Amino acid sequence: MVHAIKEIERPPQDIIDRFRPIGAATIHEASGRKGGVTPAIKPIAKGVRICGPAFTVACHPKDNLMLHKALERAKPGDVIVASVGGYYEAGYFGGLMATSGLARKLGGLAIDGGIRDSEEIIEMGFPIFCRGFCIWGTSKGVLGLINHPLVFGGVQVHPGDLICGDDDGMVVVAREACTDVLEKSLQRNAAEKKKGQVLRGGVSSVEFNKLDKVFETLGLIEE
């Protein structure tokens, strides 16, 4: 069995760049409400965003050996997406690893587990989404998998899928669906801009969304 696959296919760079300013919630809606990662995985600080191809890593519980290999093999712009076998209570990633990630121009880390040295990492500006913070250390003695499909926060992720995250959460877009989801996201943004203009004029959201019939069908009683 090959533990670490070096080469993966990624979305075109221009597609990735066009996704960057789009909100994760908009992308999720444009994807048909698919790919939404559990909200238990959050950015380490307000304003942290990630957008890049997934470089997947499956670690053994309480062991971060394969994260070190991922830092060595990932390409600039890649987002390391790591599962930890369901053992969340450990600091799998710390300040020195973030220093390496910045030096190698990675797009960030999304880990379904804990990290430590959070204050230092926030100050240096390395973007991370995680389950939380934990001071407990890990071993470095068990092999895992790199660039194999994995389940991350309830969503299946394949190497090269697009990972987008902001203050609202994270969404995974299948690599082959990126072009379609991008166009739908842009269309949704344009439609919401027009809706905002109408609502600023004083029209209620009930009227705009034609919800009167829904309330009537549900038997809403007002006094």
N, C-alpha and C. Protein backbone atom coordinates (compact mmCIF):
# COMPACT_ATOMS: atom_id res chain seq x y z
N MET A 1 0.83 -1.19 0.00
CA MET A 1 0.00 0.00 0.00
C MET A 1 0.87 1.25 0.00
N VAL A 2 0.53 2.22 -0.84
CA VAL A 2 1.23 3.50 -0.88
C VAL A 2 0.66 4.40 0.21
N HIS A 3 1.48 4.80 1.14
CA HIS A 3 1.00 5.65 2.22
C HIS A 3 0.85 7.11 1.78
N ALA A 4 1.84 7.61 1.03
CA ALA A 4 1.84 9.02 0.66
C ALA A 4 1.89 9.17 -0.85
N ILE A 5 0.84 9.73 -1.40
CA ILE A 5 0.77 10.01 -2.85
C ILE A 5 1.26 11.44 -3.07
N LYS A 6 2.29 11.59 -3.88
CA LYS A 6 2.93 12.89 -4.04
C LYS A 6 2.17 13.83 -4.98
N GLU A 7 1.68 13.31 -6.09
CA GLU A 7 1.09 14.16 -7.13
C GLU A 7 -0.43 14.07 -7.11
N ILE A 8 -1.09 15.22 -7.13
CA ILE A 8 -2.55 15.28 -7.19
C ILE A 8 -2.97 16.31 -8.23
N GLU A 9 -4.19 16.20 -8.69
CA GLU A 9 -4.76 17.21 -9.59
C GLU A 9 -5.42 18.29 -8.76
N ARG A 10 -5.26 19.54 -9.19
CA ARG A 10 -5.82 20.68 -8.49
C ARG A 10 -6.69 21.51 -9.43
N PRO A 11 -7.63 22.29 -8.89
CA PRO A 11 -8.38 23.20 -9.75
C PRO A 11 -7.44 24.23 -10.38
N PRO A 12 -7.80 24.77 -11.53
CA PRO A 12 -6.96 25.82 -12.12
C PRO A 12 -6.82 27.01 -11.17
N GLN A 13 -5.66 27.64 -11.19
CA GLN A 13 -5.39 28.72 -10.24
C GLN A 13 -6.35 29.89 -10.41
N ASP A 14 -6.73 30.20 -11.65
CA ASP A 14 -7.64 31.33 -11.86
C ASP A 14 -9.01 31.05 -11.25
N ILE A 15 -9.44 29.79 -11.24
CA ILE A 15 -10.71 29.41 -10.61
C ILE A 15 -10.60 29.60 -9.09
N ILE A 16 -9.50 29.14 -8.51
CA ILE A 16 -9.28 29.30 -7.07
C ILE A 16 -9.32 30.78 -6.69
N ASP A 17 -8.62 31.61 -7.46
CA ASP A 17 -8.55 33.04 -7.14
C ASP A 17 -9.92 33.70 -7.21
N ARG A 18 -10.76 33.27 -8.12
CA ARG A 18 -12.10 33.86 -8.24
C ARG A 18 -13.02 33.44 -7.09
N PHE A 19 -12.72 32.31 -6.48
CA PHE A 19 -13.49 31.86 -5.31
C PHE A 19 -13.13 32.67 -4.05
N ARG A 20 -11.93 33.23 -3.96
CA ARG A 20 -11.42 33.79 -2.70
C ARG A 20 -12.34 34.81 -2.04
N PRO A 21 -12.92 35.77 -2.79
CA PRO A 21 -13.75 36.77 -2.10
C PRO A 21 -15.17 36.32 -1.81
N ILE A 22 -15.55 35.12 -2.23
CA ILE A 22 -16.93 34.67 -2.08
C ILE A 22 -17.11 34.01 -0.72
N GLY A 23 -18.22 34.31 -0.05
CA GLY A 23 -18.49 33.76 1.27
C GLY A 23 -18.75 32.27 1.23
N ALA A 24 -18.35 31.59 2.29
CA ALA A 24 -18.53 30.13 2.36
C ALA A 24 -20.02 29.76 2.30
N ALA A 25 -20.87 30.56 2.94
CA ALA A 25 -22.31 30.26 2.93
C ALA A 25 -22.87 30.35 1.51
N THR A 26 -22.42 31.35 0.76
CA THR A 26 -22.86 31.50 -0.64
C THR A 26 -22.42 30.30 -1.47
N ILE A 27 -21.18 29.87 -1.28
CA ILE A 27 -20.66 28.71 -2.02
C ILE A 27 -21.47 27.47 -1.66
N HIS A 28 -21.78 27.31 -0.37
CA HIS A 28 -22.55 26.15 0.08
C HIS A 28 -23.93 26.13 -0.58
N GLU A 29 -24.60 27.27 -0.61
CA GLU A 29 -25.92 27.35 -1.26
C GLU A 29 -25.81 27.06 -2.75
N ALA A 30 -24.79 27.63 -3.39
CA ALA A 30 -24.59 27.44 -4.83
C ALA A 30 -24.23 25.99 -5.16
N SER A 31 -23.73 25.26 -4.18
CA SER A 31 -23.39 23.85 -4.37
C SER A 31 -24.59 22.93 -4.19
N GLY A 32 -25.77 23.52 -4.00
CA GLY A 32 -26.94 22.70 -3.70
C GLY A 32 -26.95 22.26 -2.25
N ARG A 33 -26.36 23.12 -1.39
CA ARG A 33 -26.25 22.85 0.05
C ARG A 33 -25.49 21.55 0.33
N LYS A 34 -24.48 21.30 -0.48
CA LYS A 34 -23.60 20.15 -0.27
C LYS A 34 -22.23 20.64 0.20
N GLY A 35 -21.52 19.77 0.91
CA GLY A 35 -20.13 20.06 1.26
C GLY A 35 -19.92 20.88 2.51
N GLY A 36 -20.98 21.16 3.27
CA GLY A 36 -20.83 21.95 4.48
C GLY A 36 -20.22 21.16 5.62
N VAL A 37 -19.09 21.62 6.13
CA VAL A 37 -18.37 20.96 7.21
C VAL A 37 -19.03 21.29 8.55
N THR A 38 -18.99 20.36 9.48
CA THR A 38 -19.57 20.59 10.80
C THR A 38 -19.11 21.93 11.38
N PRO A 39 -20.04 22.71 11.96
CA PRO A 39 -19.65 23.99 12.55
C PRO A 39 -18.77 23.86 13.79
N ALA A 40 -18.52 22.64 14.25
CA ALA A 40 -17.60 22.45 15.37
C ALA A 40 -16.17 22.80 14.98
N ILE A 41 -15.89 22.80 13.68
CA ILE A 41 -14.56 23.17 13.18
C ILE A 41 -14.61 24.64 12.79
N LYS A 42 -13.82 25.47 13.49
CA LYS A 42 -13.93 26.92 13.36
C LYS A 42 -12.57 27.56 13.06
N PRO A 43 -12.59 28.80 12.53
CA PRO A 43 -11.32 29.53 12.38
C PRO A 43 -10.73 29.87 13.73
N ILE A 44 -9.41 29.92 13.82
CA ILE A 44 -8.78 30.18 15.11
C ILE A 44 -8.96 31.62 15.57
N ALA A 45 -9.31 32.52 14.65
CA ALA A 45 -9.55 33.92 15.01
C ALA A 45 -10.49 34.53 13.99
N LYS A 46 -11.21 35.55 14.41
CA LYS A 46 -12.13 36.24 13.53
C LYS A 46 -11.39 36.81 12.33
N GLY A 47 -11.98 36.64 11.16
CA GLY A 47 -11.39 37.16 9.94
C GLY A 47 -10.47 36.20 9.21
N VAL A 48 -10.18 35.05 9.82
CA VAL A 48 -9.32 34.06 9.16
C VAL A 48 -10.09 33.40 8.02
N ARG A 49 -9.46 33.32 6.87
CA ARG A 49 -10.08 32.69 5.69
C ARG A 49 -9.10 31.70 5.08
N ILE A 50 -9.64 30.65 4.48
CA ILE A 50 -8.83 29.73 3.70
C ILE A 50 -9.51 29.48 2.36
N CYS A 51 -8.72 29.27 1.34
CA CYS A 51 -9.25 28.93 0.02
C CYS A 51 -8.12 28.29 -0.78
N GLY A 52 -8.24 26.99 -1.02
CA GLY A 52 -7.18 26.31 -1.76
C GLY A 52 -7.49 24.84 -1.92
N PRO A 53 -6.68 24.16 -2.74
CA PRO A 53 -6.89 22.73 -2.96
C PRO A 53 -6.52 21.90 -1.75
N ALA A 54 -7.29 20.85 -1.50
CA ALA A 54 -7.07 19.99 -0.34
C ALA A 54 -5.87 19.07 -0.55
N PHE A 55 -4.99 19.08 0.43
CA PHE A 55 -3.88 18.13 0.53
C PHE A 55 -4.19 17.29 1.75
N THR A 56 -4.77 16.12 1.53
CA THR A 56 -5.38 15.38 2.63
C THR A 56 -4.37 14.56 3.43
N VAL A 57 -4.62 14.50 4.74
CA VAL A 57 -3.75 13.76 5.66
C VAL A 57 -4.61 13.03 6.68
N ALA A 58 -4.41 11.73 6.81
CA ALA A 58 -5.08 10.94 7.85
C ALA A 58 -4.03 10.54 8.88
N CYS A 59 -4.15 11.11 10.08
CA CYS A 59 -3.21 10.81 11.16
C CYS A 59 -3.78 9.74 12.09
N HIS A 60 -2.88 9.02 12.73
CA HIS A 60 -3.28 8.11 13.79
C HIS A 60 -3.66 8.95 15.01
N PRO A 61 -4.63 8.49 15.80
CA PRO A 61 -5.01 9.24 16.99
C PRO A 61 -3.80 9.59 17.87
N LYS A 62 -3.71 10.87 18.26
CA LYS A 62 -2.68 11.39 19.15
C LYS A 62 -1.26 11.22 18.57
N ASP A 63 -1.15 11.26 17.25
CA ASP A 63 0.14 11.17 16.57
C ASP A 63 0.13 12.14 15.39
N ASN A 64 1.17 12.96 15.26
CA ASN A 64 1.17 13.95 14.18
C ASN A 64 2.28 13.72 13.16
N LEU A 65 2.82 12.51 13.10
CA LEU A 65 3.91 12.21 12.18
C LEU A 65 3.58 12.61 10.75
N MET A 66 2.37 12.25 10.28
CA MET A 66 2.03 12.48 8.88
C MET A 66 1.79 13.96 8.57
N LEU A 67 1.49 14.75 9.59
CA LEU A 67 1.39 16.19 9.36
C LEU A 67 2.75 16.77 9.00
N HIS A 68 3.80 16.25 9.60
CA HIS A 68 5.15 16.70 9.26
C HIS A 68 5.48 16.33 7.81
N LYS A 69 5.11 15.14 7.39
CA LYS A 69 5.33 14.74 6.00
C LYS A 69 4.51 15.61 5.06
N ALA A 70 3.28 15.94 5.45
CA ALA A 70 2.44 16.80 4.61
C ALA A 70 3.05 18.18 4.44
N LEU A 71 3.61 18.73 5.52
CA LEU A 71 4.27 20.03 5.42
C LEU A 71 5.44 19.99 4.44
N GLU A 72 6.08 18.85 4.35
CA GLU A 72 7.20 18.69 3.41
C GLU A 72 6.73 18.58 1.97
N ARG A 73 5.59 17.91 1.74
CA ARG A 73 5.16 17.57 0.39
C ARG A 73 4.14 18.52 -0.23
N ALA A 74 3.38 19.24 0.59
CA ALA A 74 2.34 20.12 0.06
C ALA A 74 2.96 21.24 -0.77
N LYS A 75 2.22 21.70 -1.77
CA LYS A 75 2.67 22.76 -2.67
C LYS A 75 2.14 24.12 -2.19
N PRO A 76 2.78 25.21 -2.62
CA PRO A 76 2.27 26.53 -2.26
C PRO A 76 0.79 26.68 -2.61
N GLY A 77 0.03 27.21 -1.67
CA GLY A 77 -1.40 27.40 -1.87
C GLY A 77 -2.26 26.26 -1.38
N ASP A 78 -1.67 25.08 -1.19
CA ASP A 78 -2.45 23.93 -0.72
C ASP A 78 -2.95 24.15 0.71
N VAL A 79 -4.14 23.65 0.98
CA VAL A 79 -4.68 23.62 2.34
C VAL A 79 -4.55 22.19 2.85
N ILE A 80 -3.76 21.99 3.89
CA ILE A 80 -3.65 20.66 4.49
C ILE A 80 -4.96 20.36 5.22
N VAL A 81 -5.60 19.27 4.85
CA VAL A 81 -6.87 18.86 5.45
C VAL A 81 -6.62 17.57 6.20
N ALA A 82 -6.70 17.62 7.54
CA ALA A 82 -6.25 16.50 8.36
C ALA A 82 -7.37 15.93 9.23
N SER A 83 -7.46 14.61 9.22
CA SER A 83 -8.31 13.90 10.17
C SER A 83 -7.39 13.21 11.18
N VAL A 84 -7.93 12.95 12.38
CA VAL A 84 -7.08 12.43 13.45
C VAL A 84 -7.72 11.21 14.12
N GLY A 85 -8.51 10.48 13.37
CA GLY A 85 -9.09 9.25 13.89
C GLY A 85 -10.10 9.46 15.00
N GLY A 86 -10.66 10.66 15.09
CA GLY A 86 -11.68 10.93 16.09
C GLY A 86 -11.15 11.28 17.47
N TYR A 87 -9.83 11.33 17.62
CA TYR A 87 -9.25 11.69 18.92
C TYR A 87 -8.88 13.17 18.88
N TYR A 88 -9.80 14.01 19.34
CA TYR A 88 -9.66 15.44 19.17
C TYR A 88 -8.76 16.10 20.21
N GLU A 89 -8.62 15.49 21.38
CA GLU A 89 -8.01 16.16 22.52
C GLU A 89 -6.49 15.99 22.54
N ALA A 90 -5.86 16.68 21.59
CA ALA A 90 -4.41 16.73 21.55
C ALA A 90 -4.03 17.95 20.70
N GLY A 91 -2.82 18.45 20.93
CA GLY A 91 -2.33 19.56 20.12
C GLY A 91 -1.50 19.04 18.97
N TYR A 92 -2.17 18.73 17.87
CA TYR A 92 -1.51 18.08 16.73
C TYR A 92 -0.60 19.02 15.94
N PHE A 93 -0.82 20.31 16.07
CA PHE A 93 -0.12 21.28 15.22
C PHE A 93 0.20 22.50 16.09
N GLY A 94 1.46 22.97 16.00
CA GLY A 94 1.87 24.09 16.84
C GLY A 94 2.60 25.18 16.08
N GLY A 95 3.21 26.09 16.85
CA GLY A 95 3.81 27.27 16.26
C GLY A 95 4.95 26.99 15.30
N LEU A 96 5.82 26.03 15.62
CA LEU A 96 6.93 25.73 14.71
C LEU A 96 6.44 25.15 13.40
N MET A 97 5.40 24.34 13.45
CA MET A 97 4.84 23.78 12.23
C MET A 97 4.18 24.88 11.40
N ALA A 98 3.52 25.83 12.07
CA ALA A 98 2.93 26.96 11.35
C ALA A 98 4.02 27.81 10.69
N THR A 99 5.15 27.96 11.39
CA THR A 99 6.28 28.69 10.81
C THR A 99 6.74 28.03 9.51
N SER A 100 6.79 26.71 9.52
CA SER A 100 7.16 25.97 8.32
C SER A 100 6.11 26.16 7.22
N GLY A 101 4.84 26.11 7.61
CA GLY A 101 3.77 26.30 6.64
C GLY A 101 3.83 27.66 5.97
N LEU A 102 4.11 28.70 6.74
CA LEU A 102 4.25 30.03 6.16
C LEU A 102 5.45 30.11 5.22
N ALA A 103 6.58 29.54 5.65
CA ALA A 103 7.79 29.58 4.84
C ALA A 103 7.59 28.87 3.51
N ARG A 104 6.76 27.84 3.52
CA ARG A 104 6.52 27.07 2.31
C ARG A 104 5.29 27.57 1.55
N LYS A 105 4.73 28.72 2.01
CA LYS A 105 3.64 29.42 1.31
C LYS A 105 2.39 28.55 1.15
N LEU A 106 2.08 27.75 2.18
CA LEU A 106 0.88 26.93 2.12
C LEU A 106 -0.36 27.79 2.35
N GLY A 107 -1.51 27.27 1.92
CA GLY A 107 -2.75 28.02 2.04
C GLY A 107 -3.40 27.91 3.39
N GLY A 108 -2.87 27.05 4.27
CA GLY A 108 -3.41 26.92 5.61
C GLY A 108 -3.61 25.48 6.01
N LEU A 109 -4.27 25.32 7.16
CA LEU A 109 -4.56 24.00 7.73
C LEU A 109 -6.01 23.95 8.14
N ALA A 110 -6.67 22.84 7.81
CA ALA A 110 -7.99 22.53 8.34
C ALA A 110 -7.87 21.17 9.01
N ILE A 111 -8.05 21.14 10.32
CA ILE A 111 -7.84 19.90 11.07
C ILE A 111 -9.04 19.58 11.93
N ASP A 112 -9.48 18.34 11.84
CA ASP A 112 -10.61 17.88 12.65
C ASP A 112 -10.10 17.41 14.00
N GLY A 113 -9.43 18.34 14.69
CA GLY A 113 -8.81 18.04 15.97
C GLY A 113 -8.26 19.33 16.56
N GLY A 114 -7.41 19.20 17.58
CA GLY A 114 -6.90 20.36 18.29
C GLY A 114 -5.54 20.81 17.82
N ILE A 115 -5.24 22.07 18.12
CA ILE A 115 -3.90 22.62 17.89
C ILE A 115 -3.45 23.29 19.19
N ARG A 116 -2.19 23.71 19.23
CA ARG A 116 -1.70 24.50 20.36
C ARG A 116 -0.83 25.65 19.84
N ASP A 117 -0.32 26.47 20.75
CA ASP A 117 0.41 27.69 20.38
C ASP A 117 -0.48 28.63 19.57
N SER A 118 -1.76 28.67 19.92
CA SER A 118 -2.72 29.42 19.11
C SER A 118 -2.41 30.91 19.04
N GLU A 119 -2.02 31.51 20.17
CA GLU A 119 -1.74 32.94 20.16
C GLU A 119 -0.59 33.27 19.21
N GLU A 120 0.45 32.45 19.26
CA GLU A 120 1.60 32.64 18.38
C GLU A 120 1.19 32.49 16.92
N ILE A 121 0.38 31.49 16.63
CA ILE A 121 -0.03 31.23 15.24
C ILE A 121 -0.92 32.36 14.73
N ILE A 122 -1.80 32.86 15.58
CA ILE A 122 -2.66 33.99 15.18
C ILE A 122 -1.81 35.20 14.86
N GLU A 123 -0.80 35.47 15.69
CA GLU A 123 0.07 36.62 15.46
C GLU A 123 0.85 36.49 14.16
N MET A 124 1.29 35.29 13.82
CA MET A 124 2.09 35.13 12.60
C MET A 124 1.21 35.10 11.35
N GLY A 125 -0.10 34.85 11.52
CA GLY A 125 -1.01 34.94 10.39
C GLY A 125 -1.16 33.68 9.56
N PHE A 126 -0.82 32.53 10.14
CA PHE A 126 -1.04 31.28 9.39
C PHE A 126 -2.49 30.85 9.58
N PRO A 127 -3.28 30.72 8.50
CA PRO A 127 -4.72 30.43 8.65
C PRO A 127 -4.99 28.98 9.02
N ILE A 128 -5.78 28.81 10.08
CA ILE A 128 -6.13 27.47 10.56
C ILE A 128 -7.60 27.43 10.94
N PHE A 129 -8.24 26.32 10.58
CA PHE A 129 -9.55 25.95 11.09
C PHE A 129 -9.37 24.67 11.88
N CYS A 130 -9.95 24.60 13.09
CA CYS A 130 -9.73 23.44 13.95
C CYS A 130 -10.91 23.23 14.88
N ARG A 131 -10.88 22.13 15.63
CA ARG A 131 -11.92 21.83 16.64
C ARG A 131 -11.73 22.65 17.91
N GLY A 132 -10.50 23.05 18.18
CA GLY A 132 -10.23 23.78 19.41
C GLY A 132 -8.75 23.73 19.74
N PHE A 133 -8.43 24.09 20.98
CA PHE A 133 -7.04 24.20 21.42
C PHE A 133 -6.76 23.20 22.55
N CYS A 134 -5.56 22.64 22.55
CA CYS A 134 -5.21 21.65 23.56
C CYS A 134 -3.70 21.65 23.77
N ILE A 135 -3.27 21.69 25.03
CA ILE A 135 -1.83 21.72 25.31
C ILE A 135 -1.19 20.35 25.26
N TRP A 136 -1.97 19.28 25.27
CA TRP A 136 -1.41 17.94 25.30
C TRP A 136 -0.69 17.60 24.00
N GLY A 137 0.52 17.06 24.13
CA GLY A 137 1.35 16.76 22.97
C GLY A 137 0.98 15.45 22.29
N THR A 138 1.69 15.16 21.21
CA THR A 138 1.44 13.96 20.42
C THR A 138 2.74 13.18 20.21
N SER A 139 2.59 11.93 19.79
CA SER A 139 3.75 11.13 19.41
C SER A 139 4.03 11.34 17.93
N LYS A 140 5.14 10.76 17.48
CA LYS A 140 5.53 10.83 16.07
C LYS A 140 6.05 9.45 15.66
N GLY A 141 5.16 8.46 15.72
CA GLY A 141 5.65 7.11 15.50
C GLY A 141 4.72 6.19 14.75
N VAL A 142 3.62 6.73 14.18
CA VAL A 142 2.65 5.86 13.51
C VAL A 142 2.37 6.39 12.11
N LEU A 143 2.47 5.52 11.12
CA LEU A 143 2.17 5.93 9.75
C LEU A 143 0.68 6.15 9.56
N GLY A 144 0.37 7.08 8.68
CA GLY A 144 -1.00 7.31 8.26
C GLY A 144 -1.03 7.41 6.74
N LEU A 145 -1.94 8.23 6.22
CA LEU A 145 -2.12 8.33 4.77
C LEU A 145 -2.07 9.79 4.32
N ILE A 146 -1.49 10.01 3.17
CA ILE A 146 -1.46 11.33 2.55
C ILE A 146 -2.03 11.24 1.15
N ASN A 147 -2.95 12.14 0.86
CA ASN A 147 -3.62 12.24 -0.44
C ASN A 147 -4.41 10.99 -0.81
N HIS A 148 -5.10 10.47 0.20
CA HIS A 148 -6.16 9.49 0.02
C HIS A 148 -7.47 10.17 0.42
N PRO A 149 -8.61 9.76 -0.13
CA PRO A 149 -9.88 10.34 0.30
C PRO A 149 -10.09 10.12 1.80
N LEU A 150 -10.72 11.09 2.45
CA LEU A 150 -11.03 10.95 3.87
C LEU A 150 -12.33 11.66 4.18
N VAL A 151 -12.86 11.37 5.36
CA VAL A 151 -14.05 12.07 5.85
C VAL A 151 -13.58 13.12 6.83
N PHE A 152 -13.95 14.37 6.53
CA PHE A 152 -13.51 15.51 7.33
C PHE A 152 -14.74 16.30 7.77
N GLY A 153 -14.98 16.32 9.08
CA GLY A 153 -16.12 17.07 9.58
C GLY A 153 -17.44 16.66 8.97
N GLY A 154 -17.58 15.37 8.69
CA GLY A 154 -18.81 14.84 8.12
C GLY A 154 -18.91 14.92 6.61
N VAL A 155 -17.85 15.39 5.95
CA VAL A 155 -17.86 15.54 4.49
C VAL A 155 -16.71 14.74 3.89
N GLN A 156 -16.99 14.01 2.82
CA GLN A 156 -15.90 13.30 2.14
C GLN A 156 -15.08 14.29 1.33
N VAL A 157 -13.77 14.21 1.50
CA VAL A 157 -12.85 15.10 0.80
C VAL A 157 -11.88 14.26 -0.01
N HIS A 158 -11.74 14.62 -1.29
CA HIS A 158 -10.74 14.00 -2.14
C HIS A 158 -9.58 14.97 -2.34
N PRO A 159 -8.38 14.46 -2.50
CA PRO A 159 -7.25 15.35 -2.78
C PRO A 159 -7.55 16.24 -3.99
N GLY A 160 -7.28 17.53 -3.86
CA GLY A 160 -7.53 18.46 -4.95
C GLY A 160 -8.89 19.11 -4.92
N ASP A 161 -9.81 18.65 -4.06
CA ASP A 161 -11.07 19.36 -3.89
C ASP A 161 -10.78 20.76 -3.34
N LEU A 162 -11.67 21.69 -3.62
CA LEU A 162 -11.46 23.05 -3.15
C LEU A 162 -12.01 23.22 -1.74
N ILE A 163 -11.20 23.79 -0.85
CA ILE A 163 -11.58 24.04 0.54
C ILE A 163 -11.73 25.55 0.73
N CYS A 164 -12.92 25.98 1.14
CA CYS A 164 -13.16 27.40 1.38
C CYS A 164 -13.71 27.58 2.79
N GLY A 165 -13.20 28.57 3.51
CA GLY A 165 -13.67 28.81 4.86
C GLY A 165 -13.57 30.26 5.25
N ASP A 166 -14.53 30.71 6.05
CA ASP A 166 -14.50 32.06 6.62
C ASP A 166 -15.16 32.02 7.99
N ASP A 167 -15.54 33.17 8.53
CA ASP A 167 -16.11 33.22 9.87
C ASP A 167 -17.38 32.38 10.01
N ASP A 168 -18.08 32.14 8.91
CA ASP A 168 -19.34 31.39 8.96
C ASP A 168 -19.13 29.88 8.95
N GLY A 169 -17.99 29.41 8.50
CA GLY A 169 -17.74 27.98 8.44
C GLY A 169 -16.94 27.57 7.22
N MET A 170 -16.96 26.27 6.94
CA MET A 170 -16.18 25.71 5.84
C MET A 170 -17.07 24.94 4.88
N VAL A 171 -16.66 24.94 3.61
CA VAL A 171 -17.37 24.17 2.60
C VAL A 171 -16.34 23.51 1.69
N VAL A 172 -16.67 22.31 1.23
CA VAL A 172 -15.81 21.55 0.32
C VAL A 172 -16.50 21.49 -1.04
N VAL A 173 -15.78 21.87 -2.08
CA VAL A 173 -16.30 21.80 -3.44
C VAL A 173 -15.50 20.77 -4.21
N ALA A 174 -16.18 19.77 -4.74
CA ALA A 174 -15.48 18.74 -5.52
C ALA A 174 -14.72 19.40 -6.68
N ARG A 175 -13.51 18.95 -6.91
CA ARG A 175 -12.65 19.58 -7.92
C ARG A 175 -13.34 19.68 -9.27
N GLU A 176 -14.02 18.61 -9.68
CA GLU A 176 -14.65 18.62 -11.01
C GLU A 176 -15.88 19.52 -11.08
N ALA A 177 -16.38 19.96 -9.92
CA ALA A 177 -17.58 20.82 -9.89
C ALA A 177 -17.23 22.29 -9.72
N CYS A 178 -15.96 22.63 -9.60
CA CYS A 178 -15.56 23.99 -9.25
C CYS A 178 -16.07 25.04 -10.24
N THR A 179 -15.94 24.78 -11.52
CA THR A 179 -16.36 25.78 -12.52
C THR A 179 -17.85 26.06 -12.41
N ASP A 180 -18.65 25.02 -12.32
CA ASP A 180 -20.10 25.17 -12.21
C ASP A 180 -20.49 25.89 -10.93
N VAL A 181 -19.90 25.50 -9.80
CA VAL A 181 -20.24 26.12 -8.52
C VAL A 181 -19.79 27.57 -8.48
N LEU A 182 -18.67 27.88 -9.11
CA LEU A 182 -18.21 29.27 -9.15
C LEU A 182 -19.21 30.14 -9.88
N GLU A 183 -19.68 29.71 -11.04
CA GLU A 183 -20.64 30.52 -11.79
C GLU A 183 -21.94 30.70 -11.02
N LYS A 184 -22.40 29.64 -10.37
CA LYS A 184 -23.62 29.74 -9.57
C LYS A 184 -23.43 30.65 -8.36
N SER A 185 -22.24 30.63 -7.78
CA SER A 185 -21.93 31.50 -6.65
C SER A 185 -21.95 32.96 -7.07
N LEU A 186 -21.36 33.25 -8.22
CA LEU A 186 -21.34 34.62 -8.73
C LEU A 186 -22.75 35.10 -9.05
N GLN A 187 -23.56 34.21 -9.62
CA GLN A 187 -24.94 34.56 -9.92
C GLN A 187 -25.71 34.84 -8.63
N ARG A 188 -25.46 34.04 -7.61
CA ARG A 188 -26.14 34.22 -6.33
C ARG A 188 -25.73 35.55 -5.68
N ASN A 189 -24.46 35.88 -5.76
CA ASN A 189 -24.00 37.15 -5.23
C ASN A 189 -24.69 38.33 -5.91
N ALA A 190 -24.81 38.23 -7.24
CA ALA A 190 -25.46 39.31 -8.00
C ALA A 190 -26.93 39.43 -7.62
N ALA A 191 -27.60 38.29 -7.46
CA ALA A 191 -29.02 38.31 -7.09
C ALA A 191 -29.21 38.88 -5.69
N GLU A 192 -28.32 38.54 -4.76
CA GLU A 192 -28.44 39.04 -3.40
C GLU A 192 -28.16 40.55 -3.33
N LYS A 193 -27.30 41.02 -4.21
CA LYS A 193 -27.04 42.47 -4.26
C LYS A 193 -28.30 43.22 -4.67
N LYS A 194 -29.00 42.68 -5.66
CA LYS A 194 -30.26 43.30 -6.10
C LYS A 194 -31.31 43.23 -4.99
N LYS A 195 -31.38 42.09 -4.32
CA LYS A 195 -32.34 41.94 -3.22
C LYS A 195 -32.04 42.94 -2.11
N GLY A 196 -30.76 43.15 -1.81
CA GLY A 196 -30.39 44.11 -0.79
C GLY A 196 -30.87 45.52 -1.12
N GLN A 197 -30.78 45.87 -2.39
CA GLN A 197 -31.24 47.18 -2.82
C GLN A 197 -32.74 47.34 -2.57
N VAL A 198 -33.50 46.29 -2.85
CA VAL A 198 -34.95 46.33 -2.63
C VAL A 198 -35.27 46.44 -1.14
N LEU A 199 -34.59 45.64 -0.32
CA LEU A 199 -34.86 45.66 1.13
C LEU A 199 -34.47 46.99 1.75
N ARG A 200 -33.42 47.61 1.24
CA ARG A 200 -33.03 48.93 1.75
C ARG A 200 -34.09 49.98 1.43
N GLY A 201 -34.92 49.69 0.44
CA GLY A 201 -36.02 50.60 0.10
C GLY A 201 -37.22 50.46 1.01
N GLY A 202 -37.17 49.50 1.94
CA GLY A 202 -38.25 49.36 2.91
C GLY A 202 -39.19 48.20 2.67
N VAL A 203 -39.03 47.48 1.57
CA VAL A 203 -39.86 46.30 1.31
C VAL A 203 -39.50 45.22 2.32
N SER A 204 -40.51 44.56 2.91
CA SER A 204 -40.25 43.52 3.89
C SER A 204 -39.77 42.24 3.20
N SER A 205 -39.03 41.43 3.96
CA SER A 205 -38.58 40.16 3.40
C SER A 205 -39.75 39.21 3.17
N VAL A 206 -40.83 39.37 3.94
CA VAL A 206 -42.04 38.55 3.71
C VAL A 206 -42.62 38.86 2.35
N GLU A 207 -42.73 40.15 2.04
CA GLU A 207 -43.28 40.54 0.74
C GLU A 207 -42.34 40.13 -0.39
N PHE A 208 -41.05 40.39 -0.22
CA PHE A 208 -40.09 40.10 -1.29
C PHE A 208 -40.05 38.61 -1.61
N ASN A 209 -40.07 37.77 -0.57
CA ASN A 209 -39.98 36.33 -0.76
C ASN A 209 -41.33 35.64 -0.94
N LYS A 210 -42.41 36.47 -0.99
CA LYS A 210 -43.76 35.95 -1.21
C LYS A 210 -44.11 34.87 -0.17
N LEU A 211 -43.91 35.24 1.11
CA LEU A 211 -44.14 34.29 2.20
C LEU A 211 -45.55 34.35 2.77
N ASP A 212 -46.36 35.29 2.31
CA ASP A 212 -47.73 35.40 2.83
C ASP A 212 -48.49 34.09 2.66
N LYS A 213 -48.36 33.47 1.49
CA LYS A 213 -49.06 32.21 1.22
C LYS A 213 -48.57 31.10 2.13
N VAL A 214 -47.30 31.12 2.46
CA VAL A 214 -46.74 30.10 3.35
C VAL A 214 -47.36 30.24 4.73
N PHE A 215 -47.40 31.47 5.25
CA PHE A 215 -48.02 31.70 6.56
C PHE A 215 -49.49 31.31 6.55
N GLU A 216 -50.16 31.64 5.43
CA GLU A 216 -51.59 31.31 5.32
C GLU A 216 -51.79 29.80 5.34
N THR A 217 -50.97 29.07 4.61
CA THR A 217 -51.08 27.61 4.56
C THR A 217 -50.81 26.98 5.93
N LEU A 218 -49.88 27.58 6.68
CA LEU A 218 -49.53 27.06 8.00
C LEU A 218 -50.52 27.48 9.09
N GLY A 219 -51.44 28.36 8.73
CA GLY A 219 -52.48 28.78 9.68
C GLY A 219 -52.03 29.81 10.68
N LEU A 220 -51.14 30.71 10.28
CA LEU A 220 -50.69 31.76 11.18
C LEU A 220 -51.86 32.63 11.64
N ILE A 221 -51.92 32.86 12.95
CA ILE A 221 -52.96 33.72 13.52
C ILE A 221 -52.28 34.94 14.12
N GLU A 222 -52.74 36.13 13.72
CA GLU A 222 -52.21 37.37 14.25
C GLU A 222 -53.32 38.15 14.94
N GLU A 223 -52.99 38.92 15.95
CA GLU A 223 -53.97 39.77 16.62
C GLU A 223 -53.54 41.23 16.51
